[in-house]
Amino acid sequence: MLISLGLWQLERKVWKEHLIETLQERLSAAPVPLTSEIWTAPDSADVEFTRVVFRATFDHSQEAFVYTVGSSLRPDVTERGYWVFTPAKLADGRTVVVNRGFVPEDRKDPRTRAAGQVEDTVEIVGVLRRSETRGMFAPNDDSAHDVWYLRDHRLIAAAKGWGEVGWFFVDQDSPPAPGGLPRASPLTAQLRNEHLQYALTWFGLAGVFAVGFAFWVRSRLAGQS
């Protein structure tokens, strides 16, 4: 069993290394236009984390706030606060959900960051992301106070009546908002990869167990002689 756990960690190591390599490649690439092919991609995993560029107009009156205590892809976010999810209209009428960035807890109220409520059409650069899925320990959303605990843009869009949205939301990395909030920033592929250490731990325990068992068998045989 211990050896199996060690082998599983080695498999996870290979998977994590491939994920980090993919993230580094996609996050460092130049942004591409937000095409219809991306919008209707049959396998979103093939294009997730692709950087895109498009022009859209935000509807700031429809902001939604996703609670966060930090992000492995945003090392600049180390305090409690909110991701500001905002619907943005394309020229053809479609709605793109944009995570405009981070605001601290005490700047959730849009009146405290009015300079960032840009009214003009803007050129947005960001990264395609899929919705998060709810785990066993995720808190229940507080839609009455517009506080959410998962970056599930489709759930938020349905609750707030934004209409049809794509399979993706966009993590904005530019342009920065006037006044600095919400704070957008490029994502980075700084993921922890400690699976080799875990594997060596399991293999080491298996070795200790085998040596201990060998001594036990030896003592039993010696007692019978």
C-alpha atoms as a PDB file:
ATOM      1  CA  MET A   1       0.000   0.000   0.000  1.00  0.00           C
ATOM      2  CA  LEU A   2       2.818   2.427   0.893  1.00  0.00           C
ATOM      3  CA  ILE A   3       4.654   1.688  -2.371  1.00  0.00           C
ATOM      4  CA  SER A   4       1.395   2.277  -4.290  1.00  0.00           C
ATOM      5  CA  LEU A   5       1.016   5.674  -2.607  1.00  0.00           C
ATOM      6  CA  GLY A   6       4.595   6.528  -3.572  1.00  0.00           C
ATOM      7  CA  LEU A   7       3.991   5.563  -7.210  1.00  0.00           C
ATOM      8  CA  TRP A   8       0.794   7.633  -7.222  1.00  0.00           C
ATOM      9  CA  GLN A   9       2.776  10.661  -6.034  1.00  0.00           C
ATOM     10  CA  LEU A  10       5.270  10.141  -8.873  1.00  0.00           C
ATOM     11  CA  GLU A  11       2.352  10.151 -11.316  1.00  0.00           C
ATOM     12  CA  ARG A  12       1.092  13.367  -9.701  1.00  0.00           C
ATOM     13  CA  LYS A  13       4.587  14.849 -10.092  1.00  0.00           C
ATOM     14  CA  VAL A  14       4.530  14.222 -13.845  1.00  0.00           C
ATOM     15  CA  TRP A  15       1.019  15.691 -14.054  1.00  0.00           C
ATOM     16  CA  LYS A  16       2.013  18.802 -12.071  1.00  0.00           C
ATOM     17  CA  GLU A  17       5.139  19.364 -14.174  1.00  0.00           C
ATOM     18  CA  HIS A  18       3.046  19.175 -17.354  1.00  0.00           C
ATOM     19  CA  LEU A  19       0.511  21.595 -15.867  1.00  0.00           C
ATOM     20  CA  ILE A  20       3.212  24.097 -14.894  1.00  0.00           C
ATOM     21  CA  GLU A  21       4.799  23.844 -18.347  1.00  0.00           C
ATOM     22  CA  THR A  22       1.424  24.411 -20.017  1.00  0.00           C
ATOM     23  CA  LEU A  23       0.646  27.382 -17.780  1.00  0.00           C
ATOM     24  CA  GLN A  24       4.027  28.977 -18.407  1.00  0.00           C
ATOM     25  CA  GLU A  25       3.636  28.579 -22.154  1.00  0.00           C
ATOM     26  CA  ARG A  26       0.088  29.960 -22.306  1.00  0.00           C
ATOM     27  CA  LEU A  27       0.533  32.764 -19.773  1.00  0.00           C
ATOM     28  CA  SER A  28       3.663  34.068 -21.511  1.00  0.00           C
ATOM     29  CA  ALA A  29       2.136  34.040 -24.997  1.00  0.00           C
ATOM     30  CA  ALA A  30       0.829  37.136 -26.745  1.00  0.00           C
ATOM     31  CA  PRO A  31      -2.952  37.628 -26.430  1.00  0.00           C
ATOM     32  CA  VAL A  32      -5.155  36.455 -29.273  1.00  0.00           C
ATOM     33  CA  PRO A  33      -8.529  37.859 -30.361  1.00  0.00           C
ATOM     34  CA  LEU A  34     -11.593  36.466 -28.594  1.00  0.00           C
ATOM     35  CA  THR A  35     -12.960  34.543 -31.577  1.00  0.00           C
ATOM     36  CA  SER A  36     -16.132  32.542 -32.066  1.00  0.00           C
ATOM     37  CA  GLU A  37     -13.998  29.391 -32.128  1.00  0.00           C
ATOM     38  CA  ILE A  38     -12.876  30.099 -28.578  1.00  0.00           C
ATOM     39  CA  TRP A  39     -16.436  30.878 -27.536  1.00  0.00           C
ATOM     40  CA  THR A  40     -17.648  27.497 -28.794  1.00  0.00           C
ATOM     41  CA  ALA A  41     -14.549  25.410 -27.991  1.00  0.00           C
ATOM     42  CA  PRO A  42     -15.672  21.761 -27.580  1.00  0.00           C
ATOM     43  CA  ASP A  43     -13.011  21.033 -24.951  1.00  0.00           C
ATOM     44  CA  SER A  44     -12.388  24.090 -22.820  1.00  0.00           C
ATOM     45  CA  ALA A  45      -9.313  22.478 -21.236  1.00  0.00           C
ATOM     46  CA  ASP A  46      -7.516  22.882 -24.575  1.00  0.00           C
ATOM     47  CA  VAL A  47      -7.820  26.675 -24.441  1.00  0.00           C
ATOM     48  CA  GLU A  48      -8.094  27.479 -20.726  1.00  0.00           C
ATOM     49  CA  PHE A  49      -5.393  29.941 -19.628  1.00  0.00           C
ATOM     50  CA  THR A  50      -5.084  31.306 -23.157  1.00  0.00           C
ATOM     51  CA  ARG A  51      -4.527  35.063 -23.109  1.00  0.00           C
ATOM     52  CA  VAL A  52      -7.132  36.977 -25.106  1.00  0.00           C
ATOM     53  CA  VAL A  53      -7.818  40.569 -26.071  1.00  0.00           C
ATOM     54  CA  PHE A  54     -11.188  42.187 -26.830  1.00  0.00           C
ATOM     55  CA  ARG A  55     -13.090  45.452 -26.540  1.00  0.00           C
ATOM     56  CA  ALA A  56     -16.107  45.671 -24.244  1.00  0.00           C
ATOM     57  CA  THR A  57     -18.115  47.956 -21.979  1.00  0.00           C
ATOM     58  CA  PHE A  58     -18.518  47.133 -18.284  1.00  0.00           C
ATOM     59  CA  ASP A  59     -21.841  47.249 -16.461  1.00  0.00           C
ATOM     60  CA  HIS A  60     -20.567  48.283 -13.030  1.00  0.00           C
ATOM     61  CA  SER A  61     -24.062  48.299 -11.540  1.00  0.00           C
ATOM     62  CA  GLN A  62     -23.994  44.490 -11.783  1.00  0.00           C
ATOM     63  CA  GLU A  63     -20.744  43.810  -9.900  1.00  0.00           C
ATOM     64  CA  ALA A  64     -20.537  40.507  -7.991  1.00  0.00           C
ATOM     65  CA  PHE A  65     -18.030  39.829  -5.239  1.00  0.00           C
ATOM     66  CA  VAL A  66     -16.230  36.504  -4.808  1.00  0.00           C
ATOM     67  CA  TYR A  67     -14.544  36.166  -1.419  1.00  0.00           C
ATOM     68  CA  THR A  68     -10.868  35.216  -1.388  1.00  0.00           C
ATOM     69  CA  VAL A  69      -7.977  34.874   1.033  1.00  0.00           C
ATOM     70  CA  GLY A  70      -5.319  34.607  -1.673  1.00  0.00           C
ATOM     71  CA  SER A  71      -4.448  32.814  -4.880  1.00  0.00           C
ATOM     72  CA  SER A  72      -1.658  30.480  -5.988  1.00  0.00           C
ATOM     73  CA  LEU A  73      -1.695  32.263  -9.373  1.00  0.00           C
ATOM     74  CA  ARG A  74      -1.751  35.795  -7.954  1.00  0.00           C
ATOM     75  CA  PRO A  75       1.150  36.120  -5.467  1.00  0.00           C
ATOM     76  CA  ASP A  76       0.319  39.815  -5.009  1.00  0.00           C
ATOM     77  CA  VAL A  77      -2.963  38.884  -3.270  1.00  0.00           C
ATOM     78  CA  THR A  78      -2.158  37.903   0.310  1.00  0.00           C
ATOM     79  CA  GLU A  79      -5.043  39.382   2.289  1.00  0.00           C
ATOM     80  CA  ARG A  80      -8.759  38.840   2.628  1.00  0.00           C
ATOM     81  CA  GLY A  81     -10.958  40.573   0.113  1.00  0.00           C
ATOM     82  CA  TYR A  82     -12.983  40.047  -3.045  1.00  0.00           C
ATOM     83  CA  TRP A  83     -12.608  39.343  -6.725  1.00  0.00           C
ATOM     84  CA  VAL A  84     -14.831  41.796  -8.606  1.00  0.00           C
ATOM     85  CA  PHE A  85     -16.795  39.928 -11.282  1.00  0.00           C
ATOM     86  CA  THR A  86     -18.418  42.266 -13.790  1.00  0.00           C
ATOM     87  CA  PRO A  87     -20.404  41.593 -16.976  1.00  0.00           C
ATOM     88  CA  ALA A  88     -18.962  43.284 -20.057  1.00  0.00           C
ATOM     89  CA  LYS A  89     -20.788  43.768 -23.355  1.00  0.00           C
ATOM     90  CA  LEU A  90     -19.089  43.075 -26.669  1.00  0.00           C
ATOM     91  CA  ALA A  91     -20.012  45.062 -29.777  1.00  0.00           C
ATOM     92  CA  ASP A  92     -22.120  42.129 -31.022  1.00  0.00           C
ATOM     93  CA  GLY A  93     -24.181  42.092 -27.799  1.00  0.00           C
ATOM     94  CA  ARG A  94     -22.649  39.022 -26.195  1.00  0.00           C
ATOM     95  CA  THR A  95     -21.744  39.161 -22.511  1.00  0.00           C
ATOM     96  CA  VAL A  96     -18.290  38.268 -21.223  1.00  0.00           C
ATOM     97  CA  VAL A  97     -17.861  37.866 -17.483  1.00  0.00           C
ATOM     98  CA  VAL A  98     -14.640  39.577 -16.392  1.00  0.00           C
ATOM     99  CA  ASN A  99     -12.852  39.178 -13.093  1.00  0.00           C
ATOM    100  CA  ARG A 100     -11.554  42.749 -12.948  1.00  0.00           C
ATOM    101  CA  GLY A 101      -9.228  41.976 -10.053  1.00  0.00           C
ATOM    102  CA  PHE A 102      -8.919  42.210  -6.298  1.00  0.00           C
ATOM    103  CA  VAL A 103     -10.277  44.697  -3.762  1.00  0.00           C
ATOM    104  CA  PRO A 104      -9.596  44.564   0.012  1.00  0.00           C
ATOM    105  CA  GLU A 105     -12.518  43.950   2.344  1.00  0.00           C
ATOM    106  CA  ASP A 106     -12.834  47.620   3.228  1.00  0.00           C
ATOM    107  CA  ARG A 107     -13.031  48.677  -0.452  1.00  0.00           C
ATOM    108  CA  LYS A 108     -15.905  46.421  -1.500  1.00  0.00           C
ATOM    109  CA  ASP A 109     -18.270  49.398  -1.737  1.00  0.00           C
ATOM    110  CA  PRO A 110     -17.910  50.875  -5.259  1.00  0.00           C
ATOM    111  CA  ARG A 111     -18.214  54.384  -3.778  1.00  0.00           C
ATOM    112  CA  THR A 112     -14.782  53.909  -2.166  1.00  0.00           C
ATOM    113  CA  ARG A 113     -13.172  53.297  -5.575  1.00  0.00           C
ATOM    114  CA  ALA A 114     -15.290  55.407  -7.931  1.00  0.00           C
ATOM    115  CA  ALA A 115     -12.321  56.257 -10.159  1.00  0.00           C
ATOM    116  CA  GLY A 116     -12.122  52.622 -11.231  1.00  0.00           C
ATOM    117  CA  GLN A 117     -15.687  52.482 -12.555  1.00  0.00           C
ATOM    118  CA  VAL A 118     -14.722  53.106 -16.180  1.00  0.00           C
ATOM    119  CA  GLU A 119     -17.701  53.958 -18.393  1.00  0.00           C
ATOM    120  CA  ASP A 120     -16.062  53.956 -21.816  1.00  0.00           C
ATOM    121  CA  THR A 121     -15.436  50.924 -23.980  1.00  0.00           C
ATOM    122  CA  VAL A 122     -12.029  49.532 -23.100  1.00  0.00           C
ATOM    123  CA  GLU A 123      -9.602  47.065 -24.626  1.00  0.00           C
ATOM    124  CA  ILE A 124      -9.283  44.238 -22.129  1.00  0.00           C
ATOM    125  CA  VAL A 125      -6.425  41.735 -21.975  1.00  0.00           C
ATOM    126  CA  GLY A 126      -6.902  38.693 -19.786  1.00  0.00           C
ATOM    127  CA  VAL A 127      -6.811  34.944 -19.364  1.00  0.00           C
ATOM    128  CA  LEU A 128      -9.590  32.446 -20.082  1.00  0.00           C
ATOM    129  CA  ARG A 129     -10.692  30.533 -16.985  1.00  0.00           C
ATOM    130  CA  ARG A 130     -13.258  27.812 -16.337  1.00  0.00           C
ATOM    131  CA  SER A 131     -15.747  27.934 -13.473  1.00  0.00           C
ATOM    132  CA  GLU A 132     -14.730  26.412 -10.162  1.00  0.00           C
ATOM    133  CA  THR A 133     -16.709  23.426  -8.906  1.00  0.00           C
ATOM    134  CA  ARG A 134     -18.141  23.319  -5.400  1.00  0.00           C
ATOM    135  CA  GLY A 135     -16.374  21.038  -2.945  1.00  0.00           C
ATOM    136  CA  MET A 136     -17.637  19.524   0.287  1.00  0.00           C
ATOM    137  CA  PHE A 137     -16.266  22.340   2.452  1.00  0.00           C
ATOM    138  CA  ALA A 138     -17.195  25.356   0.333  1.00  0.00           C
ATOM    139  CA  PRO A 139     -19.467  27.779   2.249  1.00  0.00           C
ATOM    140  CA  ASN A 140     -22.908  28.580   0.952  1.00  0.00           C
ATOM    141  CA  ASP A 141     -23.108  31.713  -1.168  1.00  0.00           C
ATOM    142  CA  ASP A 142     -24.782  34.800   0.294  1.00  0.00           C
ATOM    143  CA  SER A 143     -26.608  36.076  -2.765  1.00  0.00           C
ATOM    144  CA  ALA A 144     -28.677  38.492  -0.646  1.00  0.00           C
ATOM    145  CA  HIS A 145     -25.478  40.450   0.104  1.00  0.00           C
ATOM    146  CA  ASP A 146     -23.922  39.644  -3.279  1.00  0.00           C
ATOM    147  CA  VAL A 147     -21.091  37.613  -1.741  1.00  0.00           C
ATOM    148  CA  TRP A 148     -20.011  34.396  -3.427  1.00  0.00           C
ATOM    149  CA  TYR A 149     -17.470  31.781  -2.425  1.00  0.00           C
ATOM    150  CA  LEU A 150     -16.773  30.131  -5.789  1.00  0.00           C
ATOM    151  CA  ARG A 151     -15.599  31.639  -9.031  1.00  0.00           C
ATOM    152  CA  ASP A 152     -18.582  30.103 -10.788  1.00  0.00           C
ATOM    153  CA  HIS A 153     -19.502  32.820 -13.259  1.00  0.00           C
ATOM    154  CA  ARG A 154     -22.416  30.889 -14.740  1.00  0.00           C
ATOM    155  CA  LEU A 155     -24.048  30.472 -11.341  1.00  0.00           C
ATOM    156  CA  ILE A 156     -23.546  34.161 -10.618  1.00  0.00           C
ATOM    157  CA  ALA A 157     -24.851  35.155 -14.062  1.00  0.00           C
ATOM    158  CA  ALA A 158     -28.004  33.069 -13.626  1.00  0.00           C
ATOM    159  CA  ALA A 159     -28.653  34.478 -10.137  1.00  0.00           C
ATOM    160  CA  LYS A 160     -28.168  38.091 -11.245  1.00  0.00           C
ATOM    161  CA  GLY A 161     -29.946  37.787 -14.597  1.00  0.00           C
ATOM    162  CA  TRP A 162     -26.999  38.563 -16.846  1.00  0.00           C
ATOM    163  CA  GLY A 163     -28.346  36.350 -19.612  1.00  0.00           C
ATOM    164  CA  GLU A 164     -26.334  33.832 -21.603  1.00  0.00           C
ATOM    165  CA  VAL A 165     -22.591  33.835 -20.987  1.00  0.00           C
ATOM    166  CA  GLY A 166     -19.736  31.747 -22.370  1.00  0.00           C
ATOM    167  CA  TRP A 167     -18.115  28.676 -20.806  1.00  0.00           C
ATOM    168  CA  PHE A 168     -15.311  30.927 -19.579  1.00  0.00           C
ATOM    169  CA  PHE A 169     -14.732  34.019 -17.540  1.00  0.00           C
ATOM    170  CA  VAL A 170     -11.717  36.270 -18.109  1.00  0.00           C
ATOM    171  CA  ASP A 171      -9.135  37.084 -15.430  1.00  0.00           C
ATOM    172  CA  GLN A 172      -8.187  40.612 -16.461  1.00  0.00           C
ATOM    173  CA  ASP A 173      -4.499  41.517 -16.380  1.00  0.00           C
ATOM    174  CA  SER A 174      -4.684  44.886 -18.153  1.00  0.00           C
ATOM    175  CA  PRO A 175      -5.397  47.735 -18.394  1.00  0.00           C
ATOM    176  CA  PRO A 176      -5.067  48.757 -14.743  1.00  0.00           C
ATOM    177  CA  ALA A 177      -8.143  50.454 -13.318  1.00  0.00           C
ATOM    178  CA  PRO A 178      -7.865  54.195 -12.680  1.00  0.00           C
ATOM    179  CA  GLY A 179      -7.187  54.650  -8.994  1.00  0.00           C
ATOM    180  CA  GLY A 180      -5.729  51.139  -8.748  1.00  0.00           C
ATOM    181  CA  LEU A 181      -8.895  49.235  -7.794  1.00  0.00           C
ATOM    182  CA  PRO A 182      -9.956  46.629  -8.647  1.00  0.00           C
ATOM    183  CA  ARG A 183      -6.324  45.506  -8.812  1.00  0.00           C
ATOM    184  CA  ALA A 184      -5.706  43.517 -11.984  1.00  0.00           C
ATOM    185  CA  SER A 185      -2.445  41.664 -12.495  1.00  0.00           C
ATOM    186  CA  PRO A 186      -0.989  38.978 -14.778  1.00  0.00           C
ATOM    187  CA  LEU A 187      -1.292  35.404 -13.539  1.00  0.00           C
ATOM    188  CA  THR A 188       1.881  33.485 -12.773  1.00  0.00           C
ATOM    189  CA  ALA A 189       2.524  29.726 -12.894  1.00  0.00           C
ATOM    190  CA  GLN A 190       4.064  29.503  -9.424  1.00  0.00           C
ATOM    191  CA  LEU A 191       2.471  26.262  -8.319  1.00  0.00           C
ATOM    192  CA  ARG A 192       3.862  24.100  -5.539  1.00  0.00           C
ATOM    193  CA  ASN A 193       5.316  20.817  -6.740  1.00  0.00           C
ATOM    194  CA  GLU A 194       6.346  18.713  -3.737  1.00  0.00           C
ATOM    195  CA  HIS A 195       5.161  15.348  -5.035  1.00  0.00           C
ATOM    196  CA  LEU A 196       8.718  13.947  -5.201  1.00  0.00           C
ATOM    197  CA  GLN A 197       9.137  14.634  -1.478  1.00  0.00           C
ATOM    198  CA  TYR A 198       5.801  12.960  -0.773  1.00  0.00           C
ATOM    199  CA  ALA A 199       6.808   9.947  -2.889  1.00  0.00           C
ATOM    200  CA  LEU A 200      10.139   9.592  -1.063  1.00  0.00           C
ATOM    201  CA  THR A 201       8.275   9.783   2.248  1.00  0.00           C
ATOM    202  CA  TRP A 202       5.957   6.939   1.281  1.00  0.00           C
ATOM    203  CA  PHE A 203       8.845   4.840  -0.099  1.00  0.00           C
ATOM    204  CA  GLY A 204      10.838   5.525   3.068  1.00  0.00           C
ATOM    205  CA  LEU A 205       7.953   4.377   5.255  1.00  0.00           C
ATOM    206  CA  ALA A 206       7.645   1.264   3.118  1.00  0.00           C
ATOM    207  CA  GLY A 207      11.365   0.574   3.644  1.00  0.00           C
ATOM    208  CA  VAL A 208      11.101   1.086   7.416  1.00  0.00           C
ATOM    209  CA  PHE A 209       8.095  -1.206   7.534  1.00  0.00           C
ATOM    210  CA  ALA A 210       9.936  -3.895   5.489  1.00  0.00           C
ATOM    211  CA  VAL A 211      13.045  -3.725   7.694  1.00  0.00           C
ATOM    212  CA  GLY A 212      10.943  -3.867  10.859  1.00  0.00           C
ATOM    213  CA  PHE A 213       9.021  -6.847   9.519  1.00  0.00           C
ATOM    214  CA  ALA A 214      12.291  -8.609   8.620  1.00  0.00           C
ATOM    215  CA  PHE A 215      13.612  -8.165  12.159  1.00  0.00           C
ATOM    216  CA  TRP A 216      10.317  -9.448  13.557  1.00  0.00           C
ATOM    217  CA  VAL A 217      10.456 -12.565  11.351  1.00  0.00           C
ATOM    218  CA  ARG A 218      14.097 -13.122  12.319  1.00  0.00           C
ATOM    219  CA  SER A 219      13.288 -12.889  16.020  1.00  0.00           C
ATOM    220  CA  ARG A 220      10.398 -15.328  15.634  1.00  0.00           C
ATOM    221  CA  LEU A 221      12.581 -17.838  13.790  1.00  0.00           C
ATOM    222  CA  ALA A 222      15.342 -17.461  16.374  1.00  0.00           C
ATOM    223  CA  GLY A 223      12.849 -18.131  19.157  1.00  0.00           C
ATOM    224  CA  GLN A 224      11.749 -21.341  17.529  1.00  0.00           C
ATOM    225  CA  SER A 225      15.302 -22.731  17.072  1.00  0.00           C
END
